[in-house]
Structures are given as structure tokens and as C-alpha cells.
PDB file of N, CA and C in Angstrom:
ATOM      1  N   MET A   1     -15.607   1.914 -22.697  1.00  0.00           N
ATOM      2  CA  MET A   1     -15.307   1.853 -24.109  1.00  0.00           C
ATOM      3  C   MET A   1     -14.034   1.044 -24.306  1.00  0.00           C
ATOM      4  N   LYS A   2     -14.094   0.065 -25.138  1.00  0.00           N
ATOM      5  CA  LYS A   2     -12.917  -0.743 -25.467  1.00  0.00           C
ATOM      6  C   LYS A   2     -12.307  -0.207 -26.755  1.00  0.00           C
ATOM      7  N   TYR A   3     -11.018  -0.252 -26.831  1.00  0.00           N
ATOM      8  CA  TYR A   3     -10.321   0.170 -28.035  1.00  0.00           C
ATOM      9  C   TYR A   3      -9.859  -1.089 -28.758  1.00  0.00           C
ATOM     10  N   LEU A   4      -8.695  -1.107 -29.284  1.00  0.00           N
ATOM     11  CA  LEU A   4      -8.187  -2.285 -29.983  1.00  0.00           C
ATOM     12  C   LEU A   4      -7.578  -3.248 -28.975  1.00  0.00           C
ATOM     13  N   LYS A   5      -7.769  -4.536 -29.156  1.00  0.00           N
ATOM     14  CA  LYS A   5      -7.252  -5.533 -28.210  1.00  0.00           C
ATOM     15  C   LYS A   5      -5.738  -5.710 -28.359  1.00  0.00           C
ATOM     16  N   ASN A   6      -5.073  -5.773 -27.219  1.00  0.00           N
ATOM     17  CA  ASN A   6      -3.645  -6.119 -27.130  1.00  0.00           C
ATOM     18  C   ASN A   6      -2.707  -5.223 -27.930  1.00  0.00           C
ATOM     19  N   VAL A   7      -3.004  -3.932 -28.028  1.00  0.00           N
ATOM     20  CA  VAL A   7      -2.101  -3.027 -28.743  1.00  0.00           C
ATOM     21  C   VAL A   7      -1.592  -1.880 -27.873  1.00  0.00           C
ATOM     22  N   VAL A   8      -2.076  -1.781 -26.652  1.00  0.00           N
ATOM     23  CA  VAL A   8      -1.729  -0.668 -25.772  1.00  0.00           C
ATOM     24  C   VAL A   8      -0.265  -0.751 -25.334  1.00  0.00           C
ATOM     25  N   THR A   9       0.393   0.396 -25.280  1.00  0.00           N
ATOM     26  CA  THR A   9       1.801   0.464 -24.887  1.00  0.00           C
ATOM     27  C   THR A   9       1.974   0.585 -23.371  1.00  0.00           C
ATOM     28  N   LEU A  10       0.907   0.512 -22.619  1.00  0.00           N
ATOM     29  CA  LEU A  10       0.917   0.670 -21.170  1.00  0.00           C
ATOM     30  C   LEU A  10       1.735  -0.421 -20.484  1.00  0.00           C
ATOM     31  N   ASP A  11       2.592   0.006 -19.532  1.00  0.00           N
ATOM     32  CA  ASP A  11       3.387  -0.946 -18.774  1.00  0.00           C
ATOM     33  C   ASP A  11       3.487  -0.464 -17.329  1.00  0.00           C
ATOM     34  N   LEU A  12       3.381  -1.388 -16.407  1.00  0.00           N
ATOM     35  CA  LEU A  12       3.477  -1.095 -14.978  1.00  0.00           C
ATOM     36  C   LEU A  12       4.625  -1.882 -14.376  1.00  0.00           C
ATOM     37  N   ASP A  13       5.571  -1.166 -13.753  1.00  0.00           N
ATOM     38  CA  ASP A  13       6.692  -1.799 -13.065  1.00  0.00           C
ATOM     39  C   ASP A  13       6.284  -1.985 -11.607  1.00  0.00           C
ATOM     40  N   GLU A  14       5.880  -3.181 -11.257  1.00  0.00           N
ATOM     41  CA  GLU A  14       5.376  -3.459  -9.913  1.00  0.00           C
ATOM     42  C   GLU A  14       6.431  -3.259  -8.835  1.00  0.00           C
ATOM     43  N   GLU A  15       7.703  -3.376  -9.197  1.00  0.00           N
ATOM     44  CA  GLU A  15       8.778  -3.165  -8.220  1.00  0.00           C
ATOM     45  C   GLU A  15       8.850  -1.705  -7.774  1.00  0.00           C
ATOM     46  N   LYS A  16       8.568  -0.781  -8.681  1.00  0.00           N
ATOM     47  CA  LYS A  16       8.624   0.648  -8.368  1.00  0.00           C
ATOM     48  C   LYS A  16       7.343   1.162  -7.717  1.00  0.00           C
ATOM     49  N   CYS A  17       6.248   0.449  -7.898  1.00  0.00           N
ATOM     50  CA  CYS A  17       4.948   0.895  -7.394  1.00  0.00           C
ATOM     51  C   CYS A  17       4.906   0.839  -5.870  1.00  0.00           C
ATOM     52  N   THR A  18       4.405   1.926  -5.263  1.00  0.00           N
ATOM     53  CA  THR A  18       4.246   1.980  -3.808  1.00  0.00           C
ATOM     54  C   THR A  18       2.780   1.885  -3.394  1.00  0.00           C
ATOM     55  N   GLY A  19       1.887   1.815  -4.371  1.00  0.00           N
ATOM     56  CA  GLY A  19       0.468   1.711  -4.067  1.00  0.00           C
ATOM     57  C   GLY A  19      -0.180   3.019  -3.657  1.00  0.00           C
ATOM     58  N   CYS A  20       0.377   4.142  -4.076  1.00  0.00           N
ATOM     59  CA  CYS A  20      -0.168   5.446  -3.688  1.00  0.00           C
ATOM     60  C   CYS A  20      -1.571   5.681  -4.249  1.00  0.00           C
ATOM     61  N   GLY A  21      -1.905   5.041  -5.373  1.00  0.00           N
ATOM     62  CA  GLY A  21      -3.247   5.131  -5.934  1.00  0.00           C
ATOM     63  C   GLY A  21      -3.509   6.286  -6.878  1.00  0.00           C
ATOM     64  N   ILE A  22      -2.504   7.094  -7.142  1.00  0.00           N
ATOM     65  CA  ILE A  22      -2.699   8.238  -8.029  1.00  0.00           C
ATOM     66  C   ILE A  22      -3.118   7.781  -9.425  1.00  0.00           C
ATOM     67  N   CYS A  23      -2.545   6.699  -9.909  1.00  0.00           N
ATOM     68  CA  CYS A  23      -2.891   6.206 -11.246  1.00  0.00           C
ATOM     69  C   CYS A  23      -4.380   5.887 -11.340  1.00  0.00           C
ATOM     70  N   ALA A  24      -4.919   5.269 -10.315  1.00  0.00           N
ATOM     71  CA  ALA A  24      -6.338   4.918 -10.296  1.00  0.00           C
ATOM     72  C   ALA A  24      -7.219   6.161 -10.229  1.00  0.00           C
ATOM     73  N   GLU A  25      -6.734   7.187  -9.558  1.00  0.00           N
ATOM     74  CA  GLU A  25      -7.495   8.436  -9.442  1.00  0.00           C
ATOM     75  C   GLU A  25      -7.550   9.208 -10.751  1.00  0.00           C
ATOM     76  N   VAL A  26      -6.437   9.255 -11.483  1.00  0.00           N
ATOM     77  CA  VAL A  26      -6.375  10.106 -12.674  1.00  0.00           C
ATOM     78  C   VAL A  26      -6.801   9.401 -13.965  1.00  0.00           C
ATOM     79  N   CYS A  27      -6.900   8.097 -13.949  1.00  0.00           N
ATOM     80  CA  CYS A  27      -7.256   7.363 -15.167  1.00  0.00           C
ATOM     81  C   CYS A  27      -8.730   7.570 -15.508  1.00  0.00           C
ATOM     82  N   PRO A  28      -9.025   8.109 -16.698  1.00  0.00           N
ATOM     83  CA  PRO A  28     -10.421   8.360 -17.055  1.00  0.00           C
ATOM     84  C   PRO A  28     -11.212   7.098 -17.415  1.00  0.00           C
ATOM     85  N   HIS A  29     -10.530   5.962 -17.554  1.00  0.00           N
ATOM     86  CA  HIS A  29     -11.214   4.734 -17.961  1.00  0.00           C
ATOM     87  C   HIS A  29     -11.072   3.595 -16.953  1.00  0.00           C
ATOM     88  N   GLN A  30     -10.687   3.917 -15.719  1.00  0.00           N
ATOM     89  CA  GLN A  30     -10.560   2.926 -14.644  1.00  0.00           C
ATOM     90  C   GLN A  30      -9.731   1.705 -15.056  1.00  0.00           C
ATOM     91  N   VAL A  31      -8.603   1.967 -15.681  1.00  0.00           N
ATOM     92  CA  VAL A  31      -7.700   0.897 -16.104  1.00  0.00           C
ATOM     93  C   VAL A  31      -6.988   0.284 -14.901  1.00  0.00           C
ATOM     94  N   PHE A  32      -6.737   1.098 -13.869  1.00  0.00           N
ATOM     95  CA  PHE A  32      -5.992   0.641 -12.694  1.00  0.00           C
ATOM     96  C   PHE A  32      -6.896   0.375 -11.502  1.00  0.00           C
ATOM     97  N   LYS A  33      -6.437  -0.552 -10.663  1.00  0.00           N
ATOM     98  CA  LYS A  33      -7.112  -0.862  -9.407  1.00  0.00           C
ATOM     99  C   LYS A  33      -6.011  -1.126  -8.375  1.00  0.00           C
ATOM    100  N   ILE A  34      -6.225  -0.727  -7.151  1.00  0.00           N
ATOM    101  CA  ILE A  34      -5.253  -0.990  -6.088  1.00  0.00           C
ATOM    102  C   ILE A  34      -5.644  -2.305  -5.425  1.00  0.00           C
ATOM    103  N   ILE A  35      -4.724  -3.256  -5.476  1.00  0.00           N
ATOM    104  CA  ILE A  35      -4.936  -4.581  -4.899  1.00  0.00           C
ATOM    105  C   ILE A  35      -3.744  -4.900  -4.005  1.00  0.00           C
ATOM    106  N   ASN A  36      -4.020  -5.229  -2.753  1.00  0.00           N
ATOM    107  CA  ASN A  36      -2.961  -5.553  -1.788  1.00  0.00           C
ATOM    108  C   ASN A  36      -1.893  -4.457  -1.732  1.00  0.00           C
ATOM    109  N   LYS A  37      -2.344  -3.214  -1.688  1.00  0.00           N
ATOM    110  CA  LYS A  37      -1.479  -2.037  -1.557  1.00  0.00           C
ATOM    111  C   LYS A  37      -0.520  -1.836  -2.730  1.00  0.00           C
ATOM    112  N   LYS A  38      -0.904  -2.325  -3.915  1.00  0.00           N
ATOM    113  CA  LYS A  38      -0.128  -2.120  -5.147  1.00  0.00           C
ATOM    114  C   LYS A  38      -1.100  -1.862  -6.286  1.00  0.00           C
ATOM    115  N   ALA A  39      -0.664  -1.087  -7.251  1.00  0.00           N
ATOM    116  CA  ALA A  39      -1.482  -0.861  -8.443  1.00  0.00           C
ATOM    117  C   ALA A  39      -1.460  -2.120  -9.308  1.00  0.00           C
ATOM    118  N   ALA A  40      -2.566  -2.346  -9.974  1.00  0.00           N
ATOM    119  CA  ALA A  40      -2.679  -3.457 -10.914  1.00  0.00           C
ATOM    120  C   ALA A  40      -3.462  -2.963 -12.123  1.00  0.00           C
ATOM    121  N   ILE A  41      -3.081  -3.454 -13.278  1.00  0.00           N
ATOM    122  CA  ILE A  41      -3.822  -3.112 -14.488  1.00  0.00           C
ATOM    123  C   ILE A  41      -4.994  -4.073 -14.563  1.00  0.00           C
ATOM    124  N   GLN A  42      -6.206  -3.529 -14.436  1.00  0.00           N
ATOM    125  CA  GLN A  42      -7.383  -4.387 -14.419  1.00  0.00           C
ATOM    126  C   GLN A  42      -8.067  -4.469 -15.781  1.00  0.00           C
ATOM    127  N   ASP A  43      -7.838  -3.469 -16.649  1.00  0.00           N
ATOM    128  CA  ASP A  43      -8.509  -3.473 -17.951  1.00  0.00           C
ATOM    129  C   ASP A  43      -7.642  -2.775 -18.992  1.00  0.00           C
ATOM    130  N   ARG A  44      -6.573  -3.429 -19.394  1.00  0.00           N
ATOM    131  CA  ARG A  44      -5.586  -2.858 -20.320  1.00  0.00           C
ATOM    132  C   ARG A  44      -6.227  -2.359 -21.618  1.00  0.00           C
ATOM    133  N   ASP A  45      -7.177  -3.094 -22.154  1.00  0.00           N
ATOM    134  CA  ASP A  45      -7.760  -2.734 -23.445  1.00  0.00           C
ATOM    135  C   ASP A  45      -8.655  -1.496 -23.387  1.00  0.00           C
ATOM    136  N   SER A  46      -8.936  -0.986 -22.186  1.00  0.00           N
ATOM    137  CA  SER A  46      -9.697   0.258 -22.071  1.00  0.00           C
ATOM    138  C   SER A  46      -8.780   1.482 -22.046  1.00  0.00           C
ATOM    139  N   CYS A  47      -7.485   1.274 -21.992  1.00  0.00           N
ATOM    140  CA  CYS A  47      -6.521   2.378 -21.980  1.00  0.00           C
ATOM    141  C   CYS A  47      -6.547   3.112 -23.313  1.00  0.00           C
ATOM    142  N   MET A  48      -6.682   4.443 -23.252  1.00  0.00           N
ATOM    143  CA  MET A  48      -6.667   5.244 -24.473  1.00  0.00           C
ATOM    144  C   MET A  48      -5.323   5.944 -24.663  1.00  0.00           C
ATOM    145  N   GLU A  49      -4.352   5.577 -23.842  1.00  0.00           N
ATOM    146  CA  GLU A  49      -2.983   6.078 -23.931  1.00  0.00           C
ATOM    147  C   GLU A  49      -2.897   7.600 -23.815  1.00  0.00           C
ATOM    148  N   CYS A  50      -3.689   8.162 -22.892  1.00  0.00           N
ATOM    149  CA  CYS A  50      -3.654   9.615 -22.687  1.00  0.00           C
ATOM    150  C   CYS A  50      -2.396  10.042 -21.941  1.00  0.00           C
ATOM    151  N   GLY A  51      -1.826   9.137 -21.148  1.00  0.00           N
ATOM    152  CA  GLY A  51      -0.591   9.425 -20.421  1.00  0.00           C
ATOM    153  C   GLY A  51      -0.775  10.001 -19.028  1.00  0.00           C
ATOM    154  N   ALA A  52      -2.015  10.199 -18.589  1.00  0.00           N
ATOM    155  CA  ALA A  52      -2.255  10.798 -17.273  1.00  0.00           C
ATOM    156  C   ALA A  52      -1.616   9.983 -16.154  1.00  0.00           C
ATOM    157  N   CYS A  53      -1.682   8.675 -16.251  1.00  0.00           N
ATOM    158  CA  CYS A  53      -1.119   7.814 -15.204  1.00  0.00           C
ATOM    159  C   CYS A  53       0.399   7.973 -15.114  1.00  0.00           C
ATOM    160  N   ALA A  54       1.059   7.924 -16.249  1.00  0.00           N
ATOM    161  CA  ALA A  54       2.526   8.012 -16.269  1.00  0.00           C
ATOM    162  C   ALA A  54       3.018   9.382 -15.831  1.00  0.00           C
ATOM    163  N   ILE A  55       2.337  10.418 -16.272  1.00  0.00           N
ATOM    164  CA  ILE A  55       2.735  11.782 -15.917  1.00  0.00           C
ATOM    165  C   ILE A  55       2.590  12.016 -14.420  1.00  0.00           C
ATOM    166  N   ASN A  56       1.560  11.445 -13.826  1.00  0.00           N
ATOM    167  CA  ASN A  56       1.271  11.693 -12.411  1.00  0.00           C
ATOM    168  C   ASN A  56       1.881  10.699 -11.441  1.00  0.00           C
ATOM    169  N   CYS A  57       2.488   9.629 -11.933  1.00  0.00           N
ATOM    170  CA  CYS A  57       3.105   8.645 -11.038  1.00  0.00           C
ATOM    171  C   CYS A  57       4.402   9.213 -10.460  1.00  0.00           C
ATOM    172  N   PRO A  58       4.450   9.451  -9.142  1.00  0.00           N
ATOM    173  CA  PRO A  58       5.637  10.043  -8.546  1.00  0.00           C
ATOM    174  C   PRO A  58       6.833   9.082  -8.464  1.00  0.00           C
ATOM    175  N   PHE A  59       6.618   7.823  -8.788  1.00  0.00           N
ATOM    176  CA  PHE A  59       7.686   6.837  -8.684  1.00  0.00           C
ATOM    177  C   PHE A  59       8.116   6.270 -10.035  1.00  0.00           C
ATOM    178  N   SER A  60       7.602   6.848 -11.112  1.00  0.00           N
ATOM    179  CA  SER A  60       7.925   6.416 -12.484  1.00  0.00           C
ATOM    180  C   SER A  60       7.699   4.921 -12.682  1.00  0.00           C
ATOM    181  N   ALA A  61       6.638   4.415 -12.090  1.00  0.00           N
ATOM    182  CA  ALA A  61       6.327   2.996 -12.186  1.00  0.00           C
ATOM    183  C   ALA A  61       5.505   2.664 -13.435  1.00  0.00           C
ATOM    184  N   ILE A  62       5.010   3.700 -14.111  1.00  0.00           N
ATOM    185  CA  ILE A  62       4.142   3.486 -15.269  1.00  0.00           C
ATOM    186  C   ILE A  62       4.755   4.140 -16.494  1.00  0.00           C
ATOM    187  N   SER A  63       4.693   3.423 -17.601  1.00  0.00           N
ATOM    188  CA  SER A  63       5.112   4.008 -18.874  1.00  0.00           C
ATOM    189  C   SER A  63       4.034   3.723 -19.907  1.00  0.00           C
ATOM    190  N   VAL A  64       3.829   4.679 -20.772  1.00  0.00           N
ATOM    191  CA  VAL A  64       2.871   4.539 -21.864  1.00  0.00           C
ATOM    192  C   VAL A  64       3.279   5.541 -22.946  1.00  0.00           C
ATOM    193  N   ALA A  65       3.170   5.145 -24.184  1.00  0.00           N
ATOM    194  CA  ALA A  65       3.489   6.037 -25.301  1.00  0.00           C
ATOM    195  C   ALA A  65       2.260   6.909 -25.544  1.00  0.00           C
ATOM    196  N   ALA A  66       2.167   8.007 -24.798  1.00  0.00           N
ATOM    197  CA  ALA A  66       1.017   8.898 -24.912  1.00  0.00           C
ATOM    198  C   ALA A  66       0.890   9.414 -26.338  1.00  0.00           C
ATOM    199  N   GLY A  67      -0.313   9.364 -26.846  1.00  0.00           N
ATOM    200  CA  GLY A  67      -0.565   9.818 -28.208  1.00  0.00           C
ATOM    201  C   GLY A  67      -0.403   8.728 -29.239  1.00  0.00           C
ATOM    202  N   ALA A  68      -0.008   7.557 -28.801  1.00  0.00           N
ATOM    203  CA  ALA A  68       0.148   6.438 -29.729  1.00  0.00           C
ATOM    204  C   ALA A  68      -1.176   5.697 -29.828  1.00  0.00           C
ATOM    205  N   GLY A  69      -1.262   4.813 -30.757  1.00  0.00           N
ATOM    206  CA  GLY A  69      -2.426   3.935 -30.853  1.00  0.00           C
ATOM    207  C   GLY A  69      -3.728   4.644 -31.101  1.00  0.00           C
ATOM    208  N   CYS A  70      -4.746   4.209 -30.405  1.00  0.00           N
ATOM    209  CA  CYS A  70      -6.110   4.658 -30.631  1.00  0.00           C
ATOM    210  C   CYS A  70      -6.287   6.151 -30.375  1.00  0.00           C
ATOM    211  N   ALA A  71      -5.729   6.654 -29.298  1.00  0.00           N
ATOM    212  CA  ALA A  71      -5.890   8.071 -28.978  1.00  0.00           C
ATOM    213  C   ALA A  71      -5.354   8.940 -30.106  1.00  0.00           C
ATOM    214  N   GLN A  72      -4.201   8.575 -30.629  1.00  0.00           N
ATOM    215  CA  GLN A  72      -3.617   9.340 -31.717  1.00  0.00           C
ATOM    216  C   GLN A  72      -4.495   9.278 -32.966  1.00  0.00           C
ATOM    217  N   ALA A  73      -5.042   8.119 -33.265  1.00  0.00           N
ATOM    218  CA  ALA A  73      -5.905   7.968 -34.441  1.00  0.00           C
ATOM    219  C   ALA A  73      -7.156   8.838 -34.322  1.00  0.00           C
ATOM    220  N   ILE A  74      -7.732   8.877 -33.140  1.00  0.00           N
ATOM    221  CA  ILE A  74      -8.933   9.702 -32.931  1.00  0.00           C
ATOM    222  C   ILE A  74      -8.607  11.179 -33.086  1.00  0.00           C
ATOM    223  N   ILE A  75      -7.519  11.616 -32.477  1.00  0.00           N
ATOM    224  CA  ILE A  75      -7.120  13.024 -32.558  1.00  0.00           C
ATOM    225  C   ILE A  75      -6.835  13.427 -34.005  1.00  0.00           C
ATOM    226  N   LYS A  76      -6.063  12.622 -34.713  1.00  0.00           N
ATOM    227  CA  LYS A  76      -5.763  12.932 -36.117  1.00  0.00           C
ATOM    228  C   LYS A  76      -7.041  12.982 -36.950  1.00  0.00           C
ATOM    229  N   GLY A  77      -7.962  12.066 -36.702  1.00  0.00           N
ATOM    230  CA  GLY A  77      -9.230  12.050 -37.422  1.00  0.00           C
ATOM    231  C   GLY A  77     -10.026  13.319 -37.169  1.00  0.00           C
ATOM    232  N   LYS A  78     -10.086  13.754 -35.912  1.00  0.00           N
ATOM    233  CA  LYS A  78     -10.818  14.980 -35.565  1.00  0.00           C
ATOM    234  C   LYS A  78     -10.185  16.219 -36.205  1.00  0.00           C
ATOM    235  N   LEU A  79      -8.874  16.165 -36.411  1.00  0.00           N
ATOM    236  CA  LEU A  79      -8.163  17.291 -37.034  1.00  0.00           C
ATOM    237  C   LEU A  79      -8.195  17.208 -38.569  1.00  0.00           C
ATOM    238  N   GLY A  80      -8.871  16.208 -39.091  1.00  0.00           N
ATOM    239  CA  GLY A  80      -8.978  16.075 -40.540  1.00  0.00           C
ATOM    240  C   GLY A  80      -7.729  15.525 -41.196  1.00  0.00           C
ATOM    241  N   LYS A  81      -6.896  14.838 -40.425  1.00  0.00           N
ATOM    242  CA  LYS A  81      -5.639  14.300 -40.952  1.00  0.00           C
ATOM    243  C   LYS A  81      -5.696  12.780 -41.102  1.00  0.00           C
ATOM    244  N   GLY A  82      -6.880  12.264 -41.235  1.00  0.00           N
ATOM    245  CA  GLY A  82      -7.045  10.827 -41.397  1.00  0.00           C
ATOM    246  C   GLY A  82      -8.433  10.408 -40.997  1.00  0.00           C
ATOM    247  N   GLU A  83      -8.668   9.120 -41.061  1.00  0.00           N
ATOM    248  CA  GLU A  83      -9.976   8.580 -40.727  1.00  0.00           C
ATOM    249  C   GLU A  83     -10.138   8.472 -39.216  1.00  0.00           C
ATOM    250  N   ILE A  84     -11.312   8.821 -38.711  1.00  0.00           N
ATOM    251  CA  ILE A  84     -11.597   8.649 -37.289  1.00  0.00           C
ATOM    252  C   ILE A  84     -11.876   7.177 -37.076  1.00  0.00           C
ATOM    253  N   CYS A  85     -11.095   6.550 -36.201  1.00  0.00           N
ATOM    254  CA  CYS A  85     -11.289   5.128 -35.959  1.00  0.00           C
ATOM    255  C   CYS A  85     -11.290   4.835 -34.464  1.00  0.00           C
ATOM    256  N   CYS A  86     -11.453   3.589 -34.121  1.00  0.00           N
ATOM    257  CA  CYS A  86     -11.563   3.069 -32.752  1.00  0.00           C
ATOM    258  C   CYS A  86     -12.941   3.307 -32.268  1.00  0.00           C
TER     259      CYS A  86
END
């Protein structure tokens, strides 16, 4: 499932990444892939900004504004606080 193009707050600091692969394991949309023993963002626009990658990264190499963007819009819509979009 694709969300909105080029609006995701996801960021990966390649200098901090050790290639442990936890981000790839916990991401529900396969946004990450391990390439040459480092994480890489393979499909940024599929990120729903749930925050699982950032919360589980033991090296703080990933940042994302969890609850921002599309994920927040869907949640608010389901709670009746706005239109369901994305």
C-alpha cells in the first residue's frame, strides 16, 4: 500500500547503523532492506510512520515522527475526528 508521495518524516542515519536488521524485521510494510551489512530505505512512500523501526533501533539510527502524516489521518478518521484518507 502506498501512501502520499514524498511526505514521510522517516530518516536513516547510515553512520549510526550497524546493520543489525531489526528495522527490517519490525517494519510492517518492508520499507527497509539490509544491503552490504547496512540498512537502506527501499520504499519510503510505503512508510505509514508507525514508529516501530525507530523505537526498536538499538543505535538510534532511525527517526520518524510517529503518528504524523498518513497514519495520524487514518487514526483520526477512525475515531470520528476527521475524514479517513490515504
